[in-house]
Amino acid sequence: MKYIFISILFFSVSGLANPETEKTAAFRPYEANAEVTPYLQMANFSFYAGAPDIHGKAYVPNFSTLAGLKLSWAEYGIATGLSLPIPKEEIDRRGKSDQFNLILSKYWRSSAIDLYYQKYRGFYAGNPASEFNLSKPERFTQFPDAYSINYGLNYYYAFSEDEYSFSSAFAHTEEQLISGGSPLVQAFYNHVEISLGKKILPGSEPADVQFLPSLQDVALETMGAGFGYGYTFVIEEWMATAQALFGLGVQSKSETATSNIFKSVYTPALKGNLNFSLAYKLKNGAIGTVFLMDTLFSNANDEQIYSTFMVGTLFFQFRI
């Protein structure tokens, strides 16, 4: 039984000693040439198609926690890590998943950009109720040769750069001295494709999916813009940031059913993007957590479809 292997390459071009970052009444750049940051990270992608034969469950890969190390010098950094082993009983319950994540990020004070690429093979059908239930089924319905590819970009811009800083909130490369916030605007592009394959291992519960759903292959292309607000709270050495954006886009949907009937439609799509950060400032670093959730929703031909990308990170940052 092989374990999941995750390879994540994360370039955080977050601006150590960034010449564009100047001291103001609200911000003070850190004077450091390098950073060393051990971290734990959980990245996941789920996909839901609201056809009756999926019983309201989402397609989810069996993911594991990543342990890694990030090194930064000047404005650039690189990090990589390996996944921690998953217990055998959880592999039997959810199946095996091969995963690859690539995330590229750049943070300035008034703007930021995220680029991401995710590839997964091996899914199971689950929902939040069953995941948080202490009495889990012996086996979820599994799709061992199902795969998905998810990639795209998010660009953010803050209108009040004197009160809100992306580099302070999420990269911790400058110190925010007082609480403040800003209206935000976002432009986004996303591509999702998924194939359920030809194999299914039915779940152990009677209500579980027992047959391959009618939806076999789907590809979604989405572009649009969103608006929102971000605010950073500063209380002594603690700093907490909450950022939420909601937007509207145009989505192209192409799908193939089990009957091999191909169809393509254009439909409006809704976008939700949430970012949270909590950090405790140390003399030469910080310890904290960062969380990102990115969701797309659309309704085409009376079929609800959404995809969700989530990343949570615990970090311990040392500045040199």
C-alpha atoms as a PDB file:
ATOM      1  CA  MET A   1       0.000   0.000   0.000  1.00  0.00           C
ATOM      2  CA  LYS A   2       1.761   3.169  -1.081  1.00  0.00           C
ATOM      3  CA  TYR A   3       1.294   6.437   0.727  1.00  0.00           C
ATOM      4  CA  ILE A   4       0.264   9.691  -0.873  1.00  0.00           C
ATOM      5  CA  PHE A   5       3.173  11.769  -2.085  1.00  0.00           C
ATOM      6  CA  ILE A   6       2.765  15.515  -2.391  1.00  0.00           C
ATOM      7  CA  SER A   7       5.323  17.783  -4.004  1.00  0.00           C
ATOM      8  CA  ILE A   8       4.712  21.490  -3.464  1.00  0.00           C
ATOM      9  CA  LEU A   9       6.965  24.175  -4.877  1.00  0.00           C
ATOM     10  CA  PHE A  10       6.097  27.588  -3.450  1.00  0.00           C
ATOM     11  CA  PHE A  11       7.811  30.764  -4.633  1.00  0.00           C
ATOM     12  CA  SER A  12       6.999  33.578  -2.231  1.00  0.00           C
ATOM     13  CA  VAL A  13       8.360  36.644  -3.973  1.00  0.00           C
ATOM     14  CA  SER A  14       7.124  38.631  -1.039  1.00  0.00           C
ATOM     15  CA  GLY A  15       9.511  41.537  -0.915  1.00  0.00           C
ATOM     16  CA  LEU A  16      12.237  41.307   1.730  1.00  0.00           C
ATOM     17  CA  ALA A  17      13.899  44.705   1.718  1.00  0.00           C
ATOM     18  CA  ASN A  18      11.598  45.703  -1.150  1.00  0.00           C
ATOM     19  CA  PRO A  19      12.697  49.151  -2.380  1.00  0.00           C
ATOM     20  CA  GLU A  20       9.059  50.025  -3.110  1.00  0.00           C
ATOM     21  CA  THR A  21       8.157  49.561   0.575  1.00  0.00           C
ATOM     22  CA  GLU A  22       8.653  52.725   2.620  1.00  0.00           C
ATOM     23  CA  LYS A  23       8.114  53.514   6.264  1.00  0.00           C
ATOM     24  CA  THR A  24       4.875  55.350   7.042  1.00  0.00           C
ATOM     25  CA  ALA A  25       2.844  56.133  10.150  1.00  0.00           C
ATOM     26  CA  ALA A  26       1.121  52.735   9.828  1.00  0.00           C
ATOM     27  CA  PHE A  27       3.932  50.497   8.477  1.00  0.00           C
ATOM     28  CA  ARG A  28       7.590  49.816   9.167  1.00  0.00           C
ATOM     29  CA  PRO A  29       9.649  47.547   6.848  1.00  0.00           C
ATOM     30  CA  TYR A  30      11.714  44.822   8.484  1.00  0.00           C
ATOM     31  CA  GLU A  31      15.430  45.108   7.903  1.00  0.00           C
ATOM     32  CA  ALA A  32      16.389  41.563   6.915  1.00  0.00           C
ATOM     33  CA  ASN A  33      18.214  39.945   4.023  1.00  0.00           C
ATOM     34  CA  ALA A  34      16.909  36.399   4.447  1.00  0.00           C
ATOM     35  CA  GLU A  35      14.178  34.288   6.031  1.00  0.00           C
ATOM     36  CA  VAL A  36      13.994  30.666   7.158  1.00  0.00           C
ATOM     37  CA  THR A  37      10.440  29.378   7.662  1.00  0.00           C
ATOM     38  CA  PRO A  38       9.516  25.811   8.686  1.00  0.00           C
ATOM     39  CA  TYR A  39       5.832  25.138   7.995  1.00  0.00           C
ATOM     40  CA  LEU A  40       2.992  22.627   7.983  1.00  0.00           C
ATOM     41  CA  GLN A  41       0.470  22.919   5.161  1.00  0.00           C
ATOM     42  CA  MET A  42      -2.800  21.303   4.125  1.00  0.00           C
ATOM     43  CA  ALA A  43      -3.995  21.896   0.547  1.00  0.00           C
ATOM     44  CA  ASN A  44      -7.200  20.449  -0.861  1.00  0.00           C
ATOM     45  CA  PHE A  45      -9.540  20.685  -3.839  1.00  0.00           C
ATOM     46  CA  SER A  46     -13.151  19.491  -3.984  1.00  0.00           C
ATOM     47  CA  PHE A  47     -15.691  19.419  -6.786  1.00  0.00           C
ATOM     48  CA  TYR A  48     -19.479  19.146  -6.606  1.00  0.00           C
ATOM     49  CA  ALA A  49     -21.919  18.473  -9.437  1.00  0.00           C
ATOM     50  CA  GLY A  50     -25.535  18.651  -8.319  1.00  0.00           C
ATOM     51  CA  ALA A  51     -26.855  15.688 -10.258  1.00  0.00           C
ATOM     52  CA  PRO A  52     -29.272  13.484  -8.261  1.00  0.00           C
ATOM     53  CA  ASP A  53     -27.063  10.412  -8.531  1.00  0.00           C
ATOM     54  CA  ILE A  54     -24.239  11.965  -6.495  1.00  0.00           C
ATOM     55  CA  HIS A  55     -26.602  12.312  -3.485  1.00  0.00           C
ATOM     56  CA  GLY A  56     -25.375  15.783  -2.563  1.00  0.00           C
ATOM     57  CA  LYS A  57     -21.792  14.636  -1.994  1.00  0.00           C
ATOM     58  CA  ALA A  58     -18.620  16.259  -3.280  1.00  0.00           C
ATOM     59  CA  TYR A  59     -15.663  14.626  -5.007  1.00  0.00           C
ATOM     60  CA  VAL A  60     -12.658  14.946  -2.678  1.00  0.00           C
ATOM     61  CA  PRO A  61      -9.085  13.590  -2.854  1.00  0.00           C
ATOM     62  CA  ASN A  62      -7.547  11.897   0.174  1.00  0.00           C
ATOM     63  CA  PHE A  63      -5.042  14.570   1.166  1.00  0.00           C
ATOM     64  CA  SER A  64      -2.342  14.639   3.832  1.00  0.00           C
ATOM     65  CA  THR A  65      -0.424  17.287   5.761  1.00  0.00           C
ATOM     66  CA  LEU A  66       2.737  18.645   4.160  1.00  0.00           C
ATOM     67  CA  ALA A  67       5.846  19.378   6.235  1.00  0.00           C
ATOM     68  CA  GLY A  68       8.392  21.631   4.604  1.00  0.00           C
ATOM     69  CA  LEU A  69      10.898  24.458   4.742  1.00  0.00           C
ATOM     70  CA  LYS A  70      10.835  27.821   2.972  1.00  0.00           C
ATOM     71  CA  LEU A  71      14.007  29.818   2.301  1.00  0.00           C
ATOM     72  CA  SER A  72      13.905  33.475   1.187  1.00  0.00           C
ATOM     73  CA  TRP A  73      16.672  35.811   0.024  1.00  0.00           C
ATOM     74  CA  ALA A  74      16.093  39.434  -1.038  1.00  0.00           C
ATOM     75  CA  GLU A  75      12.726  39.388  -2.842  1.00  0.00           C
ATOM     76  CA  TYR A  76      12.628  35.712  -3.794  1.00  0.00           C
ATOM     77  CA  GLY A  77      12.089  32.430  -2.047  1.00  0.00           C
ATOM     78  CA  ILE A  78      11.585  28.746  -2.635  1.00  0.00           C
ATOM     79  CA  ALA A  79      10.057  26.003  -0.522  1.00  0.00           C
ATOM     80  CA  THR A  80       9.333  22.340  -0.862  1.00  0.00           C
ATOM     81  CA  GLY A  81       8.226  19.495   1.379  1.00  0.00           C
ATOM     82  CA  LEU A  82       6.929  15.953   1.692  1.00  0.00           C
ATOM     83  CA  SER A  83       3.583  14.698   2.936  1.00  0.00           C
ATOM     84  CA  LEU A  84       3.237  13.009   6.301  1.00  0.00           C
ATOM     85  CA  PRO A  85       2.053   9.370   6.189  1.00  0.00           C
ATOM     86  CA  ILE A  86      -1.690   8.676   6.219  1.00  0.00           C
ATOM     87  CA  PRO A  87      -2.880   5.844   8.512  1.00  0.00           C
ATOM     88  CA  LYS A  88      -3.745   2.653   6.630  1.00  0.00           C
ATOM     89  CA  GLU A  89      -7.342   2.689   7.893  1.00  0.00           C
ATOM     90  CA  GLU A  90      -7.861   6.141   6.373  1.00  0.00           C
ATOM     91  CA  ILE A  91      -6.422   4.971   3.036  1.00  0.00           C
ATOM     92  CA  ASP A  92      -8.837   2.024   3.111  1.00  0.00           C
ATOM     93  CA  ARG A  93     -11.705   4.388   3.977  1.00  0.00           C
ATOM     94  CA  ARG A  94     -11.006   7.091   1.361  1.00  0.00           C
ATOM     95  CA  GLY A  95      -8.677   5.457  -1.166  1.00  0.00           C
ATOM     96  CA  LYS A  96      -5.282   6.554  -2.471  1.00  0.00           C
ATOM     97  CA  SER A  97      -4.669   9.940  -4.080  1.00  0.00           C
ATOM     98  CA  ASP A  98      -1.671  11.204  -6.013  1.00  0.00           C
ATOM     99  CA  GLN A  99      -1.359  14.971  -5.660  1.00  0.00           C
ATOM    100  CA  PHE A 100       0.745  17.826  -6.964  1.00  0.00           C
ATOM    101  CA  ASN A 101       0.404  21.509  -6.023  1.00  0.00           C
ATOM    102  CA  LEU A 102       2.311  24.482  -7.399  1.00  0.00           C
ATOM    103  CA  ILE A 103       1.683  27.967  -5.978  1.00  0.00           C
ATOM    104  CA  LEU A 104       3.358  31.198  -7.063  1.00  0.00           C
ATOM    105  CA  SER A 105       2.751  34.377  -5.071  1.00  0.00           C
ATOM    106  CA  LYS A 106       3.873  37.992  -5.028  1.00  0.00           C
ATOM    107  CA  TYR A 107       2.913  40.525  -2.334  1.00  0.00           C
ATOM    108  CA  TRP A 108       3.280  44.268  -2.480  1.00  0.00           C
ATOM    109  CA  ARG A 109       1.712  46.695  -0.031  1.00  0.00           C
ATOM    110  CA  SER A 110      -1.240  47.672  -2.245  1.00  0.00           C
ATOM    111  CA  SER A 111      -1.483  44.645  -4.563  1.00  0.00           C
ATOM    112  CA  ALA A 112      -0.900  40.905  -4.696  1.00  0.00           C
ATOM    113  CA  ILE A 113      -1.100  38.034  -7.144  1.00  0.00           C
ATOM    114  CA  ASP A 114      -1.576  34.273  -6.698  1.00  0.00           C
ATOM    115  CA  LEU A 115      -0.990  31.717  -9.447  1.00  0.00           C
ATOM    116  CA  TYR A 116      -1.756  28.068  -8.757  1.00  0.00           C
ATOM    117  CA  TYR A 117      -1.736  24.654 -10.414  1.00  0.00           C
ATOM    118  CA  GLN A 118      -3.184  21.503  -8.815  1.00  0.00           C
ATOM    119  CA  LYS A 119      -3.422  17.966 -10.151  1.00  0.00           C
ATOM    120  CA  TYR A 120      -5.122  15.097  -8.317  1.00  0.00           C
ATOM    121  CA  ARG A 121      -5.810  11.456  -9.145  1.00  0.00           C
ATOM    122  CA  GLY A 122      -8.041   9.320  -6.925  1.00  0.00           C
ATOM    123  CA  PHE A 123     -11.235  10.735  -5.374  1.00  0.00           C
ATOM    124  CA  TYR A 124     -13.940   9.692  -2.953  1.00  0.00           C
ATOM    125  CA  ALA A 125     -17.508  10.962  -2.464  1.00  0.00           C
ATOM    126  CA  GLY A 126     -17.895  12.752   0.855  1.00  0.00           C
ATOM    127  CA  ASN A 127     -19.548  15.695   2.573  1.00  0.00           C
ATOM    128  CA  PRO A 128     -18.781  17.857   5.637  1.00  0.00           C
ATOM    129  CA  ALA A 129     -21.390  16.072   7.785  1.00  0.00           C
ATOM    130  CA  SER A 130     -19.713  12.689   7.315  1.00  0.00           C
ATOM    131  CA  GLU A 131     -16.202  14.124   7.702  1.00  0.00           C
ATOM    132  CA  PHE A 132     -16.952  15.665  11.101  1.00  0.00           C
ATOM    133  CA  ASN A 133     -18.988  12.707  12.325  1.00  0.00           C
ATOM    134  CA  LEU A 134     -17.065  10.730  14.949  1.00  0.00           C
ATOM    135  CA  SER A 135     -18.614   7.519  13.629  1.00  0.00           C
ATOM    136  CA  LYS A 136     -17.355   7.417  10.040  1.00  0.00           C
ATOM    137  CA  PRO A 137     -18.359   4.729   7.531  1.00  0.00           C
ATOM    138  CA  GLU A 138     -16.033   1.808   6.912  1.00  0.00           C
ATOM    139  CA  ARG A 139     -15.530   2.971   3.324  1.00  0.00           C
ATOM    140  CA  PHE A 140     -16.577   6.012   1.311  1.00  0.00           C
ATOM    141  CA  THR A 141     -17.480   5.502  -2.344  1.00  0.00           C
ATOM    142  CA  GLN A 142     -14.186   5.734  -4.214  1.00  0.00           C
ATOM    143  CA  PHE A 143     -13.278   6.661  -7.789  1.00  0.00           C
ATOM    144  CA  PRO A 144      -9.669   5.362  -8.033  1.00  0.00           C
ATOM    145  CA  ASP A 145      -8.894   6.554 -11.574  1.00  0.00           C
ATOM    146  CA  ALA A 146     -10.787   9.874 -11.396  1.00  0.00           C
ATOM    147  CA  TYR A 147      -8.555  12.903 -11.876  1.00  0.00           C
ATOM    148  CA  SER A 148      -8.780  16.694 -11.811  1.00  0.00           C
ATOM    149  CA  ILE A 149      -6.684  19.634 -12.962  1.00  0.00           C
ATOM    150  CA  ASN A 150      -7.251  23.037 -11.397  1.00  0.00           C
ATOM    151  CA  TYR A 151      -5.256  26.160 -12.273  1.00  0.00           C
ATOM    152  CA  GLY A 152      -5.723  29.905 -12.405  1.00  0.00           C
ATOM    153  CA  LEU A 153      -4.786  33.267 -10.949  1.00  0.00           C
ATOM    154  CA  ASN A 154      -6.134  35.880  -8.562  1.00  0.00           C
ATOM    155  CA  TYR A 155      -5.031  39.527  -8.685  1.00  0.00           C
ATOM    156  CA  TYR A 156      -5.866  41.788  -5.725  1.00  0.00           C
ATOM    157  CA  TYR A 157      -5.679  45.560  -5.350  1.00  0.00           C
ATOM    158  CA  ALA A 158      -6.214  47.628  -2.169  1.00  0.00           C
ATOM    159  CA  PHE A 159      -7.433  51.206  -2.567  1.00  0.00           C
ATOM    160  CA  SER A 160      -6.100  52.434   0.821  1.00  0.00           C
ATOM    161  CA  GLU A 161      -2.422  51.497   0.888  1.00  0.00           C
ATOM    162  CA  ASP A 162      -1.827  53.780   3.860  1.00  0.00           C
ATOM    163  CA  GLU A 163      -4.114  51.610   6.011  1.00  0.00           C
ATOM    164  CA  TYR A 164      -3.864  48.064   4.611  1.00  0.00           C
ATOM    165  CA  SER A 165      -0.901  46.007   3.405  1.00  0.00           C
ATOM    166  CA  PHE A 166      -0.898  42.597   1.682  1.00  0.00           C
ATOM    167  CA  SER A 167       2.826  42.137   2.392  1.00  0.00           C
ATOM    168  CA  SER A 168       2.276  42.763   6.102  1.00  0.00           C
ATOM    169  CA  ALA A 169      -0.863  40.637   6.448  1.00  0.00           C
ATOM    170  CA  PHE A 170       0.170  37.543   4.491  1.00  0.00           C
ATOM    171  CA  ALA A 171       3.949  37.618   3.954  1.00  0.00           C
ATOM    172  CA  HIS A 172       4.983  39.381   7.202  1.00  0.00           C
ATOM    173  CA  THR A 173       7.765  41.281   5.470  1.00  0.00           C
ATOM    174  CA  GLU A 174       6.803  44.617   7.025  1.00  0.00           C
ATOM    175  CA  GLU A 175       5.281  45.475  10.391  1.00  0.00           C
ATOM    176  CA  GLN A 176       1.820  47.012  10.624  1.00  0.00           C
ATOM    177  CA  LEU A 177       1.747  49.413  13.589  1.00  0.00           C
ATOM    178  CA  ILE A 178      -1.943  50.318  13.852  1.00  0.00           C
ATOM    179  CA  SER A 179      -5.203  48.642  12.850  1.00  0.00           C
ATOM    180  CA  GLY A 180      -6.624  49.504   9.449  1.00  0.00           C
ATOM    181  CA  GLY A 181      -8.484  48.278   6.398  1.00  0.00           C
ATOM    182  CA  SER A 182      -9.263  48.955   2.750  1.00  0.00           C
ATOM    183  CA  PRO A 183     -11.821  48.258   0.025  1.00  0.00           C
ATOM    184  CA  LEU A 184     -10.470  45.655  -2.397  1.00  0.00           C
ATOM    185  CA  VAL A 185     -10.944  44.694  -6.027  1.00  0.00           C
ATOM    186  CA  GLN A 186     -10.041  41.373  -7.625  1.00  0.00           C
ATOM    187  CA  ALA A 187      -9.625  40.026 -11.153  1.00  0.00           C
ATOM    188  CA  PHE A 188      -9.578  36.248 -11.600  1.00  0.00           C
ATOM    189  CA  TYR A 189      -9.238  33.405 -14.075  1.00  0.00           C
ATOM    190  CA  ASN A 190      -9.829  29.716 -13.330  1.00  0.00           C
ATOM    191  CA  HIS A 191      -9.709  26.470 -15.290  1.00  0.00           C
ATOM    192  CA  VAL A 192     -11.095  23.221 -13.837  1.00  0.00           C
ATOM    193  CA  GLU A 193     -11.384  19.867 -15.532  1.00  0.00           C
ATOM    194  CA  ILE A 194     -12.361  16.544 -14.012  1.00  0.00           C
ATOM    195  CA  SER A 195     -12.894  13.007 -15.237  1.00  0.00           C
ATOM    196  CA  LEU A 196     -14.518  10.354 -13.059  1.00  0.00           C
ATOM    197  CA  GLY A 197     -12.919   7.502 -14.966  1.00  0.00           C
ATOM    198  CA  LYS A 198     -14.467   4.052 -15.383  1.00  0.00           C
ATOM    199  CA  LYS A 199     -13.951   2.482 -11.950  1.00  0.00           C
ATOM    200  CA  ILE A 200     -16.024   2.782  -8.789  1.00  0.00           C
ATOM    201  CA  LEU A 201     -15.720   1.140  -5.372  1.00  0.00           C
ATOM    202  CA  PRO A 202     -19.173   1.527  -3.743  1.00  0.00           C
ATOM    203  CA  GLY A 203     -19.323   2.812  -0.193  1.00  0.00           C
ATOM    204  CA  SER A 204     -20.251   0.690   2.790  1.00  0.00           C
ATOM    205  CA  GLU A 205     -23.385   2.694   3.686  1.00  0.00           C
ATOM    206  CA  PRO A 206     -26.751   2.119   1.913  1.00  0.00           C
ATOM    207  CA  ALA A 207     -27.082   5.850   1.125  1.00  0.00           C
ATOM    208  CA  ASP A 208     -23.669   6.004  -0.541  1.00  0.00           C
ATOM    209  CA  VAL A 209     -23.251   6.331  -4.286  1.00  0.00           C
ATOM    210  CA  GLN A 210     -23.350   2.812  -5.770  1.00  0.00           C
ATOM    211  CA  PHE A 211     -23.043   3.561  -9.493  1.00  0.00           C
ATOM    212  CA  LEU A 212     -21.018   5.903 -11.686  1.00  0.00           C
ATOM    213  CA  PRO A 213     -22.838   9.276 -11.939  1.00  0.00           C
ATOM    214  CA  SER A 214     -24.192  10.317 -15.326  1.00  0.00           C
ATOM    215  CA  LEU A 215     -21.726  13.214 -15.448  1.00  0.00           C
ATOM    216  CA  GLN A 216     -18.392  11.745 -16.558  1.00  0.00           C
ATOM    217  CA  ASP A 217     -16.158  14.560 -17.818  1.00  0.00           C
ATOM    218  CA  VAL A 218     -16.491  18.295 -17.282  1.00  0.00           C
ATOM    219  CA  ALA A 219     -14.304  21.324 -18.067  1.00  0.00           C
ATOM    220  CA  LEU A 220     -14.961  24.843 -16.754  1.00  0.00           C
ATOM    221  CA  GLU A 221     -13.318  28.109 -17.851  1.00  0.00           C
ATOM    222  CA  THR A 222     -14.171  31.176 -15.760  1.00  0.00           C
ATOM    223  CA  MET A 223     -13.154  34.848 -15.901  1.00  0.00           C
ATOM    224  CA  GLY A 224     -14.472  37.747 -13.879  1.00  0.00           C
ATOM    225  CA  ALA A 225     -13.973  40.382 -11.189  1.00  0.00           C
ATOM    226  CA  GLY A 226     -14.881  40.759  -7.529  1.00  0.00           C
ATOM    227  CA  PHE A 227     -15.076  43.370  -4.806  1.00  0.00           C
ATOM    228  CA  GLY A 228     -14.625  43.166  -1.065  1.00  0.00           C
ATOM    229  CA  TYR A 229     -12.889  44.469   2.013  1.00  0.00           C
ATOM    230  CA  GLY A 230      -9.842  43.589   4.100  1.00  0.00           C
ATOM    231  CA  TYR A 231      -9.029  44.633   7.655  1.00  0.00           C
ATOM    232  CA  THR A 232      -6.029  44.019   9.906  1.00  0.00           C
ATOM    233  CA  PHE A 233      -6.348  44.180  13.692  1.00  0.00           C
ATOM    234  CA  VAL A 234      -3.180  45.046  15.633  1.00  0.00           C
ATOM    235  CA  ILE A 235      -3.220  44.398  19.380  1.00  0.00           C
ATOM    236  CA  GLU A 236       0.231  44.704  20.946  1.00  0.00           C
ATOM    237  CA  GLU A 237       2.274  41.848  19.396  1.00  0.00           C
ATOM    238  CA  TRP A 238      -0.741  40.150  17.811  1.00  0.00           C
ATOM    239  CA  MET A 239      -1.914  40.801  14.270  1.00  0.00           C
ATOM    240  CA  ALA A 240      -5.047  39.292  12.669  1.00  0.00           C
ATOM    241  CA  THR A 241      -6.336  39.884   9.142  1.00  0.00           C
ATOM    242  CA  ALA A 242      -9.687  39.009   7.562  1.00  0.00           C
ATOM    243  CA  GLN A 243     -10.211  39.562   3.843  1.00  0.00           C
ATOM    244  CA  ALA A 244     -13.343  38.669   1.844  1.00  0.00           C
ATOM    245  CA  LEU A 245     -14.179  39.260  -1.821  1.00  0.00           C
ATOM    246  CA  PHE A 246     -17.228  38.252  -3.843  1.00  0.00           C
ATOM    247  CA  GLY A 247     -17.566  38.566  -7.578  1.00  0.00           C
ATOM    248  CA  LEU A 248     -19.293  37.647 -10.817  1.00  0.00           C
ATOM    249  CA  GLY A 249     -17.819  35.948 -13.844  1.00  0.00           C
ATOM    250  CA  VAL A 250     -18.636  34.282 -17.143  1.00  0.00           C
ATOM    251  CA  GLN A 251     -18.150  30.528 -17.283  1.00  0.00           C
ATOM    252  CA  SER A 252     -17.822  28.166 -20.220  1.00  0.00           C
ATOM    253  CA  LYS A 253     -18.898  24.639 -19.321  1.00  0.00           C
ATOM    254  CA  SER A 254     -18.215  21.557 -21.461  1.00  0.00           C
ATOM    255  CA  GLU A 255     -19.261  18.111 -20.312  1.00  0.00           C
ATOM    256  CA  THR A 256     -19.657  14.526 -21.471  1.00  0.00           C
ATOM    257  CA  ALA A 257     -22.205  12.166 -19.897  1.00  0.00           C
ATOM    258  CA  THR A 258     -22.127   8.363 -19.701  1.00  0.00           C
ATOM    259  CA  SER A 259     -24.233   8.354 -22.871  1.00  0.00           C
ATOM    260  CA  ASN A 260     -21.224  10.021 -24.631  1.00  0.00           C
ATOM    261  CA  ILE A 261     -23.370  13.089 -25.365  1.00  0.00           C
ATOM    262  CA  PHE A 262     -21.164  16.214 -25.408  1.00  0.00           C
ATOM    263  CA  LYS A 263     -22.580  19.660 -24.695  1.00  0.00           C
ATOM    264  CA  SER A 264     -21.150  23.097 -24.061  1.00  0.00           C
ATOM    265  CA  VAL A 265     -22.882  26.117 -22.512  1.00  0.00           C
ATOM    266  CA  TYR A 266     -22.044  29.597 -21.218  1.00  0.00           C
ATOM    267  CA  THR A 267     -23.429  30.683 -17.868  1.00  0.00           C
ATOM    268  CA  PRO A 268     -22.873  33.302 -15.140  1.00  0.00           C
ATOM    269  CA  ALA A 269     -20.695  32.195 -12.227  1.00  0.00           C
ATOM    270  CA  LEU A 270     -20.330  33.445  -8.662  1.00  0.00           C
ATOM    271  CA  LYS A 271     -16.949  33.749  -6.979  1.00  0.00           C
ATOM    272  CA  GLY A 272     -16.057  33.744  -3.287  1.00  0.00           C
ATOM    273  CA  ASN A 273     -12.536  34.369  -1.979  1.00  0.00           C
ATOM    274  CA  LEU A 274     -11.637  34.366   1.728  1.00  0.00           C
ATOM    275  CA  ASN A 275      -8.227  34.972   3.296  1.00  0.00           C
ATOM    276  CA  PHE A 276      -7.381  34.878   6.993  1.00  0.00           C
ATOM    277  CA  SER A 277      -4.113  35.420   8.818  1.00  0.00           C
ATOM    278  CA  LEU A 278      -3.150  35.340  12.498  1.00  0.00           C
ATOM    279  CA  ALA A 279       0.403  36.012  13.684  1.00  0.00           C
ATOM    280  CA  TYR A 280       2.339  36.752  16.844  1.00  0.00           C
ATOM    281  CA  LYS A 281       5.295  39.048  16.224  1.00  0.00           C
ATOM    282  CA  LEU A 282       8.655  37.945  17.621  1.00  0.00           C
ATOM    283  CA  LYS A 283      11.866  39.959  17.871  1.00  0.00           C
ATOM    284  CA  ASN A 284      13.295  38.410  14.699  1.00  0.00           C
ATOM    285  CA  GLY A 285      10.317  36.690  13.118  1.00  0.00           C
ATOM    286  CA  ALA A 286       6.731  35.605  13.595  1.00  0.00           C
ATOM    287  CA  ILE A 287       4.665  32.526  14.329  1.00  0.00           C
ATOM    288  CA  GLY A 288       1.152  32.092  12.972  1.00  0.00           C
ATOM    289  CA  THR A 289      -1.251  30.695  10.426  1.00  0.00           C
ATOM    290  CA  VAL A 290      -2.616  31.677   7.008  1.00  0.00           C
ATOM    291  CA  PHE A 291      -5.785  30.294   5.399  1.00  0.00           C
ATOM    292  CA  LEU A 292      -7.158  30.701   1.859  1.00  0.00           C
ATOM    293  CA  MET A 293     -10.477  29.458   0.470  1.00  0.00           C
ATOM    294  CA  ASP A 294     -11.456  30.058  -3.158  1.00  0.00           C
ATOM    295  CA  THR A 295     -14.885  28.903  -4.436  1.00  0.00           C
ATOM    296  CA  LEU A 296     -16.663  29.092  -7.800  1.00  0.00           C
ATOM    297  CA  PHE A 297     -20.386  28.403  -8.221  1.00  0.00           C
ATOM    298  CA  SER A 298     -22.570  28.156 -11.320  1.00  0.00           C
ATOM    299  CA  ASN A 299     -25.913  26.730 -12.410  1.00  0.00           C
ATOM    300  CA  ALA A 300     -26.175  25.410 -15.980  1.00  0.00           C
ATOM    301  CA  ASN A 301     -29.075  23.375 -17.347  1.00  0.00           C
ATOM    302  CA  ASP A 302     -30.531  23.140 -13.807  1.00  0.00           C
ATOM    303  CA  GLU A 303     -27.325  21.523 -12.561  1.00  0.00           C
ATOM    304  CA  GLN A 304     -25.454  23.208  -9.724  1.00  0.00           C
ATOM    305  CA  ILE A 305     -21.672  23.042  -9.961  1.00  0.00           C
ATOM    306  CA  TYR A 306     -19.053  24.377  -7.581  1.00  0.00           C
ATOM    307  CA  SER A 307     -15.347  23.844  -7.023  1.00  0.00           C
ATOM    308  CA  THR A 308     -13.401  24.802  -3.906  1.00  0.00           C
ATOM    309  CA  PHE A 309      -9.665  25.231  -3.410  1.00  0.00           C
ATOM    310  CA  MET A 310      -8.382  25.531   0.185  1.00  0.00           C
ATOM    311  CA  VAL A 311      -4.920  25.961   1.702  1.00  0.00           C
ATOM    312  CA  GLY A 312      -4.095  26.241   5.401  1.00  0.00           C
ATOM    313  CA  THR A 313      -0.547  26.872   6.656  1.00  0.00           C
ATOM    314  CA  LEU A 314       1.111  26.979  10.083  1.00  0.00           C
ATOM    315  CA  PHE A 315       4.488  28.731  10.011  1.00  0.00           C
ATOM    316  CA  PHE A 316       7.439  29.775  12.188  1.00  0.00           C
ATOM    317  CA  GLN A 317       9.366  32.588  10.475  1.00  0.00           C
ATOM    318  CA  PHE A 318      12.954  33.544  11.350  1.00  0.00           C
ATOM    319  CA  ARG A 319      14.497  36.721   9.878  1.00  0.00           C
ATOM    320  CA  ILE A 320      18.241  36.923   9.417  1.00  0.00           C
END
